[in-house]
């Protein structure tokens, strides 16, 4: 006796860690915010080293080719418990390269056909 299976039920698609970090970083970028690895870890519940690796992956063309900027956080923003350099990050979409005027296609020169003369 063969059992018929009905149409598949819709499965909830679980976003990957990279997708979650991309969405968080792009949302922060809309407001001009820079985020540290610690802030991202607290927000997403992923480890800081794992977040760092995923941010590096987002720079690759096959993962979106995003621009990842990094800078030292200003001393007055860093909490008193952190007595070392704290890096903060910002992720922005890569802007398409602008075409230079010489790269624009020009109409081909019309050459006279020697057989028609």
N, C-alpha and C. Protein backbone atom coordinates (compact mmCIF):
# COMPACT_ATOMS: atom_id res chain seq x y z
N UNK A 1 0.85 -1.16 0.00
CA UNK A 1 0.00 0.00 0.00
C UNK A 1 0.91 1.24 0.00
N UNK A 2 0.74 2.06 -1.04
CA UNK A 2 1.56 3.25 -1.17
C UNK A 2 0.86 4.43 -0.52
N UNK A 3 1.62 5.17 0.20
CA UNK A 3 1.06 6.32 0.90
C UNK A 3 1.26 7.58 0.06
N UNK A 4 0.18 8.28 -0.19
CA UNK A 4 0.27 9.50 -0.97
C UNK A 4 0.66 10.65 -0.06
N UNK A 5 1.57 11.42 -0.58
CA UNK A 5 1.98 12.60 0.18
C UNK A 5 1.33 13.83 -0.43
N UNK A 6 0.84 14.64 0.41
CA UNK A 6 0.21 15.88 -0.06
C UNK A 6 1.27 16.87 -0.48
N UNK A 7 0.82 17.97 -0.95
CA UNK A 7 1.76 19.03 -1.33
C UNK A 7 2.58 19.38 -0.11
N UNK A 8 3.85 19.68 -0.34
CA UNK A 8 4.76 20.01 0.76
C UNK A 8 4.28 21.22 1.55
N UNK A 9 4.46 21.17 2.82
CA UNK A 9 4.10 22.31 3.64
C UNK A 9 5.21 23.34 3.56
N UNK A 10 4.84 24.56 3.74
CA UNK A 10 5.82 25.64 3.67
C UNK A 10 6.74 25.57 4.88
N UNK A 11 8.01 25.49 4.60
CA UNK A 11 8.99 25.46 5.69
C UNK A 11 9.47 26.87 5.96
N UNK A 12 9.71 27.12 7.20
CA UNK A 12 10.25 28.43 7.56
C UNK A 12 11.72 28.44 7.17
N UNK A 13 12.11 29.42 6.40
CA UNK A 13 13.50 29.54 5.99
C UNK A 13 14.26 30.25 7.10
N UNK A 14 15.24 29.57 7.62
CA UNK A 14 16.05 30.14 8.69
C UNK A 14 17.21 30.90 8.06
N UNK A 15 17.33 32.19 8.34
CA UNK A 15 18.42 32.96 7.73
C UNK A 15 19.77 32.50 8.28
N UNK A 16 20.78 32.57 7.45
CA UNK A 16 22.12 32.21 7.88
C UNK A 16 22.69 33.32 8.75
N UNK A 17 23.77 32.99 9.44
CA UNK A 17 24.43 33.99 10.27
C UNK A 17 24.88 35.17 9.41
N UNK A 18 25.38 34.88 8.23
CA UNK A 18 25.84 35.94 7.35
C UNK A 18 24.68 36.84 6.94
N UNK A 19 23.51 36.25 6.67
CA UNK A 19 22.34 37.05 6.30
C UNK A 19 21.90 37.96 7.45
N UNK A 20 21.91 37.42 8.66
CA UNK A 20 21.52 38.20 9.83
C UNK A 20 22.48 39.37 10.02
N UNK A 21 23.78 39.11 9.94
CA UNK A 21 24.76 40.18 10.12
C UNK A 21 24.67 41.23 9.02
N UNK A 22 24.45 40.76 7.79
CA UNK A 22 24.30 41.70 6.68
C UNK A 22 23.11 42.63 6.93
N UNK A 23 21.99 42.06 7.33
CA UNK A 23 20.80 42.87 7.55
C UNK A 23 20.98 43.85 8.71
N UNK A 24 21.61 43.40 9.78
CA UNK A 24 21.85 44.28 10.93
C UNK A 24 22.79 45.42 10.54
N UNK A 25 23.87 45.08 9.85
CA UNK A 25 24.85 46.10 9.47
C UNK A 25 24.28 47.10 8.46
N UNK A 26 23.49 46.63 7.52
CA UNK A 26 22.90 47.55 6.55
C UNK A 26 21.84 48.44 7.20
N UNK A 27 21.11 47.90 8.18
CA UNK A 27 20.15 48.73 8.91
C UNK A 27 20.87 49.81 9.72
N UNK A 28 21.98 49.44 10.33
CA UNK A 28 22.76 50.42 11.10
C UNK A 28 23.35 51.48 10.17
N UNK A 29 23.75 51.06 8.98
CA UNK A 29 24.35 52.00 8.03
C UNK A 29 23.35 53.05 7.58
N UNK A 30 22.07 52.69 7.51
CA UNK A 30 21.04 53.66 7.12
C UNK A 30 21.00 54.84 8.09
N UNK A 31 21.35 54.58 9.34
CA UNK A 31 21.34 55.63 10.37
C UNK A 31 22.72 56.19 10.63
N UNK A 32 23.71 55.77 9.85
CA UNK A 32 25.06 56.28 10.01
C UNK A 32 25.78 55.70 11.22
N UNK A 33 25.31 54.58 11.74
CA UNK A 33 25.91 53.98 12.94
C UNK A 33 27.05 53.04 12.57
N UNK A 34 28.07 53.04 13.41
CA UNK A 34 29.17 52.10 13.32
C UNK A 34 29.00 51.14 14.49
N UNK A 35 29.32 49.87 14.30
CA UNK A 35 29.12 48.88 15.36
C UNK A 35 30.41 48.11 15.63
N UNK A 36 30.64 47.81 16.90
CA UNK A 36 31.78 46.99 17.29
C UNK A 36 31.38 45.52 17.24
N UNK A 37 32.38 44.65 17.29
CA UNK A 37 32.09 43.22 17.32
C UNK A 37 31.32 42.86 18.58
N UNK A 38 31.63 43.50 19.69
CA UNK A 38 30.93 43.22 20.94
C UNK A 38 29.46 43.61 20.84
N UNK A 39 29.18 44.76 20.24
CA UNK A 39 27.78 45.18 20.07
C UNK A 39 27.03 44.23 19.16
N UNK A 40 27.68 43.79 18.09
CA UNK A 40 27.04 42.83 17.19
C UNK A 40 26.81 41.50 17.89
N UNK A 41 27.76 41.07 18.72
CA UNK A 41 27.61 39.81 19.44
C UNK A 41 26.44 39.88 20.42
N UNK A 42 26.33 40.99 21.11
CA UNK A 42 25.22 41.13 22.07
C UNK A 42 23.88 41.18 21.36
N UNK A 43 23.85 41.78 20.20
CA UNK A 43 22.61 41.93 19.45
C UNK A 43 22.18 40.63 18.77
N UNK A 44 23.14 39.90 18.22
CA UNK A 44 22.82 38.71 17.44
C UNK A 44 23.02 37.39 18.19
N UNK A 45 23.74 37.42 19.29
CA UNK A 45 24.06 36.22 20.08
C UNK A 45 25.03 35.28 19.37
N UNK A 46 25.80 35.80 18.42
CA UNK A 46 26.86 35.04 17.77
C UNK A 46 28.19 35.45 18.40
N UNK A 47 29.20 34.61 18.29
CA UNK A 47 30.52 34.92 18.83
C UNK A 47 31.24 35.99 18.02
N UNK A 48 32.09 36.76 18.71
CA UNK A 48 32.79 37.86 18.05
C UNK A 48 33.70 37.38 16.93
N UNK A 49 34.42 36.28 17.15
CA UNK A 49 35.32 35.79 16.11
C UNK A 49 34.54 35.30 14.89
N UNK A 50 33.41 34.69 15.13
CA UNK A 50 32.57 34.23 14.04
C UNK A 50 32.00 35.42 13.26
N UNK A 51 31.63 36.46 13.96
CA UNK A 51 31.12 37.67 13.31
C UNK A 51 32.20 38.29 12.44
N UNK A 52 33.40 38.35 12.97
CA UNK A 52 34.52 38.92 12.21
C UNK A 52 34.74 38.16 10.91
N UNK A 53 34.68 36.84 10.97
CA UNK A 53 34.86 36.02 9.77
C UNK A 53 33.73 36.25 8.77
N UNK A 54 32.50 36.35 9.26
CA UNK A 54 31.36 36.56 8.36
C UNK A 54 31.42 37.94 7.70
N UNK A 55 31.90 38.94 8.43
CA UNK A 55 32.04 40.27 7.84
C UNK A 55 33.07 40.25 6.72
N UNK A 56 34.15 39.48 6.90
CA UNK A 56 35.15 39.34 5.84
C UNK A 56 34.54 38.67 4.61
N UNK A 57 33.69 37.67 4.84
CA UNK A 57 33.05 36.98 3.72
C UNK A 57 32.15 37.93 2.93
N UNK A 58 31.50 38.86 3.61
CA UNK A 58 30.59 39.78 2.93
C UNK A 58 31.32 40.69 1.94
N UNK A 59 32.63 40.81 2.07
CA UNK A 59 33.41 41.61 1.12
C UNK A 59 33.61 40.88 -0.20
N UNK A 60 33.51 39.57 -0.20
CA UNK A 60 33.73 38.79 -1.42
C UNK A 60 32.59 39.02 -2.41
N UNK A 61 32.94 38.98 -3.69
CA UNK A 61 31.95 39.23 -4.75
C UNK A 61 30.82 38.21 -4.69
N UNK A 62 31.14 36.94 -4.43
CA UNK A 62 30.10 35.91 -4.41
C UNK A 62 29.19 36.02 -3.20
N UNK A 63 29.55 36.81 -2.22
CA UNK A 63 28.72 37.01 -1.02
C UNK A 63 28.12 38.41 -0.98
N UNK A 64 28.17 39.12 -2.08
CA UNK A 64 27.55 40.44 -2.13
C UNK A 64 28.51 41.56 -2.49
N UNK A 65 29.80 41.36 -2.23
CA UNK A 65 30.79 42.38 -2.58
C UNK A 65 30.58 43.70 -1.86
N UNK A 66 30.23 43.63 -0.59
CA UNK A 66 29.99 44.84 0.19
C UNK A 66 31.31 45.52 0.56
N UNK A 67 31.21 46.80 0.87
CA UNK A 67 32.38 47.55 1.34
C UNK A 67 32.34 47.51 2.86
N UNK A 68 33.40 47.00 3.46
CA UNK A 68 33.50 46.93 4.91
C UNK A 68 34.54 47.94 5.36
N UNK A 69 34.09 48.94 6.10
CA UNK A 69 35.00 49.96 6.61
C UNK A 69 35.27 49.68 8.07
N UNK A 70 36.46 50.04 8.50
CA UNK A 70 36.89 49.76 9.87
C UNK A 70 37.63 50.99 10.38
N UNK A 71 37.35 51.37 11.63
CA UNK A 71 38.06 52.49 12.23
C UNK A 71 38.14 52.28 13.73
N UNK A 72 39.03 53.04 14.37
CA UNK A 72 39.16 52.96 15.83
C UNK A 72 38.06 53.80 16.45
N UNK A 73 37.40 53.23 17.43
CA UNK A 73 36.34 53.96 18.13
C UNK A 73 36.96 55.06 18.98
N UNK A 74 36.31 56.19 19.02
CA UNK A 74 36.80 57.33 19.80
C UNK A 74 36.84 57.00 21.28
N UNK A 75 37.81 57.56 21.97
CA UNK A 75 38.03 57.24 23.38
C UNK A 75 36.83 57.56 24.26
N UNK A 76 36.11 58.65 23.99
CA UNK A 76 34.99 59.02 24.85
C UNK A 76 33.78 58.10 24.69
N UNK A 77 33.75 57.33 23.63
CA UNK A 77 32.64 56.40 23.41
C UNK A 77 32.92 55.05 24.06
N UNK A 78 34.19 54.69 24.18
CA UNK A 78 34.57 53.39 24.75
C UNK A 78 34.29 53.39 26.25
N UNK A 79 33.73 52.28 26.74
CA UNK A 79 33.39 52.20 28.17
C UNK A 79 34.65 52.09 29.03
N UNK A 80 34.50 52.32 30.31
CA UNK A 80 35.63 52.30 31.23
C UNK A 80 36.21 50.91 31.42
N UNK A 81 35.43 49.88 31.09
CA UNK A 81 35.93 48.51 31.25
C UNK A 81 36.86 48.09 30.12
N UNK A 82 36.87 48.84 29.03
CA UNK A 82 37.72 48.51 27.89
C UNK A 82 38.88 49.50 27.83
N UNK A 83 40.07 48.99 28.10
CA UNK A 83 41.26 49.85 28.14
C UNK A 83 42.19 49.55 26.98
N UNK A 84 41.65 49.22 25.85
CA UNK A 84 42.45 48.90 24.68
C UNK A 84 41.76 49.48 23.45
N UNK A 85 42.36 49.30 22.33
CA UNK A 85 41.78 49.82 21.09
C UNK A 85 40.52 49.02 20.74
N UNK A 86 39.46 49.72 20.43
CA UNK A 86 38.21 49.09 20.03
C UNK A 86 37.93 49.51 18.60
N UNK A 87 37.74 48.50 17.74
CA UNK A 87 37.43 48.76 16.34
C UNK A 87 35.94 48.74 16.13
N UNK A 88 35.48 49.60 15.25
CA UNK A 88 34.07 49.60 14.88
C UNK A 88 33.98 49.49 13.36
N UNK A 89 32.85 48.94 12.91
CA UNK A 89 32.70 48.58 11.51
C UNK A 89 31.43 49.18 10.93
N UNK A 90 31.49 49.37 9.61
CA UNK A 90 30.32 49.82 8.86
C UNK A 90 30.31 49.08 7.54
N UNK A 91 29.16 48.59 7.15
CA UNK A 91 29.00 47.83 5.91
C UNK A 91 28.12 48.64 4.97
N UNK A 92 28.60 48.84 3.76
CA UNK A 92 27.82 49.56 2.76
C UNK A 92 27.80 48.77 1.46
N UNK A 93 26.72 48.89 0.71
CA UNK A 93 26.68 48.20 -0.59
C UNK A 93 27.72 48.79 -1.52
N UNK A 94 28.31 47.93 -2.33
CA UNK A 94 29.30 48.40 -3.31
C UNK A 94 28.56 49.15 -4.40
N UNK A 95 29.07 50.32 -4.71
CA UNK A 95 28.46 51.11 -5.77
C UNK A 95 29.01 50.64 -7.11
N UNK A 96 28.16 50.56 -8.11
CA UNK A 96 28.66 50.12 -9.42
C UNK A 96 29.69 51.10 -9.95
N UNK A 97 30.68 50.58 -10.63
CA UNK A 97 31.73 51.44 -11.18
C UNK A 97 31.13 52.34 -12.25
N UNK A 98 31.56 53.59 -12.22
CA UNK A 98 31.07 54.54 -13.21
C UNK A 98 31.83 54.33 -14.51
N UNK A 99 31.11 54.45 -15.59
CA UNK A 99 31.75 54.31 -16.89
C UNK A 99 32.47 55.59 -17.24
N UNK A 100 33.66 55.43 -17.73
CA UNK A 100 34.40 56.60 -18.21
C UNK A 100 33.92 56.93 -19.61
N UNK A 101 34.10 58.17 -20.01
CA UNK A 101 33.58 58.61 -21.30
C UNK A 101 34.17 57.80 -22.45
N UNK A 102 35.41 57.37 -22.34
CA UNK A 102 36.00 56.62 -23.43
C UNK A 102 35.48 55.18 -23.49
N UNK A 103 34.86 54.70 -22.39
CA UNK A 103 34.32 53.35 -22.38
C UNK A 103 32.93 53.27 -23.01
N UNK A 104 32.32 54.41 -23.23
CA UNK A 104 30.98 54.43 -23.81
C UNK A 104 31.09 53.98 -25.26
N UNK A 105 30.18 53.13 -25.65
CA UNK A 105 30.22 52.61 -27.02
C UNK A 105 29.97 53.73 -28.00
N UNK A 106 30.82 53.81 -29.00
CA UNK A 106 30.67 54.80 -30.04
C UNK A 106 30.17 54.10 -31.30
N UNK A 107 29.43 54.81 -32.12
CA UNK A 107 28.96 54.17 -33.35
C UNK A 107 30.15 53.80 -34.23
N UNK A 108 30.03 52.67 -34.88
CA UNK A 108 31.11 52.21 -35.76
C UNK A 108 31.20 53.13 -36.97
N UNK A 109 32.44 53.32 -37.44
CA UNK A 109 32.64 54.15 -38.63
C UNK A 109 32.11 53.38 -39.83
N UNK A 110 31.46 54.12 -40.68
CA UNK A 110 30.93 53.51 -41.89
C UNK A 110 32.03 53.50 -42.94
N UNK A 111 32.37 52.34 -43.41
CA UNK A 111 33.41 52.22 -44.41
C UNK A 111 32.78 51.99 -45.78
N UNK A 112 33.37 52.59 -46.75
CA UNK A 112 32.86 52.45 -48.12
C UNK A 112 33.18 51.05 -48.62
N UNK A 113 32.23 50.49 -49.30
CA UNK A 113 32.42 49.17 -49.90
C UNK A 113 33.09 49.35 -51.24
N UNK A 114 34.32 48.81 -51.41
CA UNK A 114 35.05 49.07 -52.67
C UNK A 114 34.35 48.46 -53.89
N UNK A 115 33.51 47.49 -53.70
CA UNK A 115 32.83 46.90 -54.86
C UNK A 115 31.68 47.75 -55.35
N UNK A 116 31.22 48.69 -54.53
CA UNK A 116 30.07 49.52 -54.91
C UNK A 116 30.52 50.81 -55.59
N UNK A 117 31.81 51.07 -55.64
CA UNK A 117 32.27 52.34 -56.24
C UNK A 117 32.38 52.27 -57.69
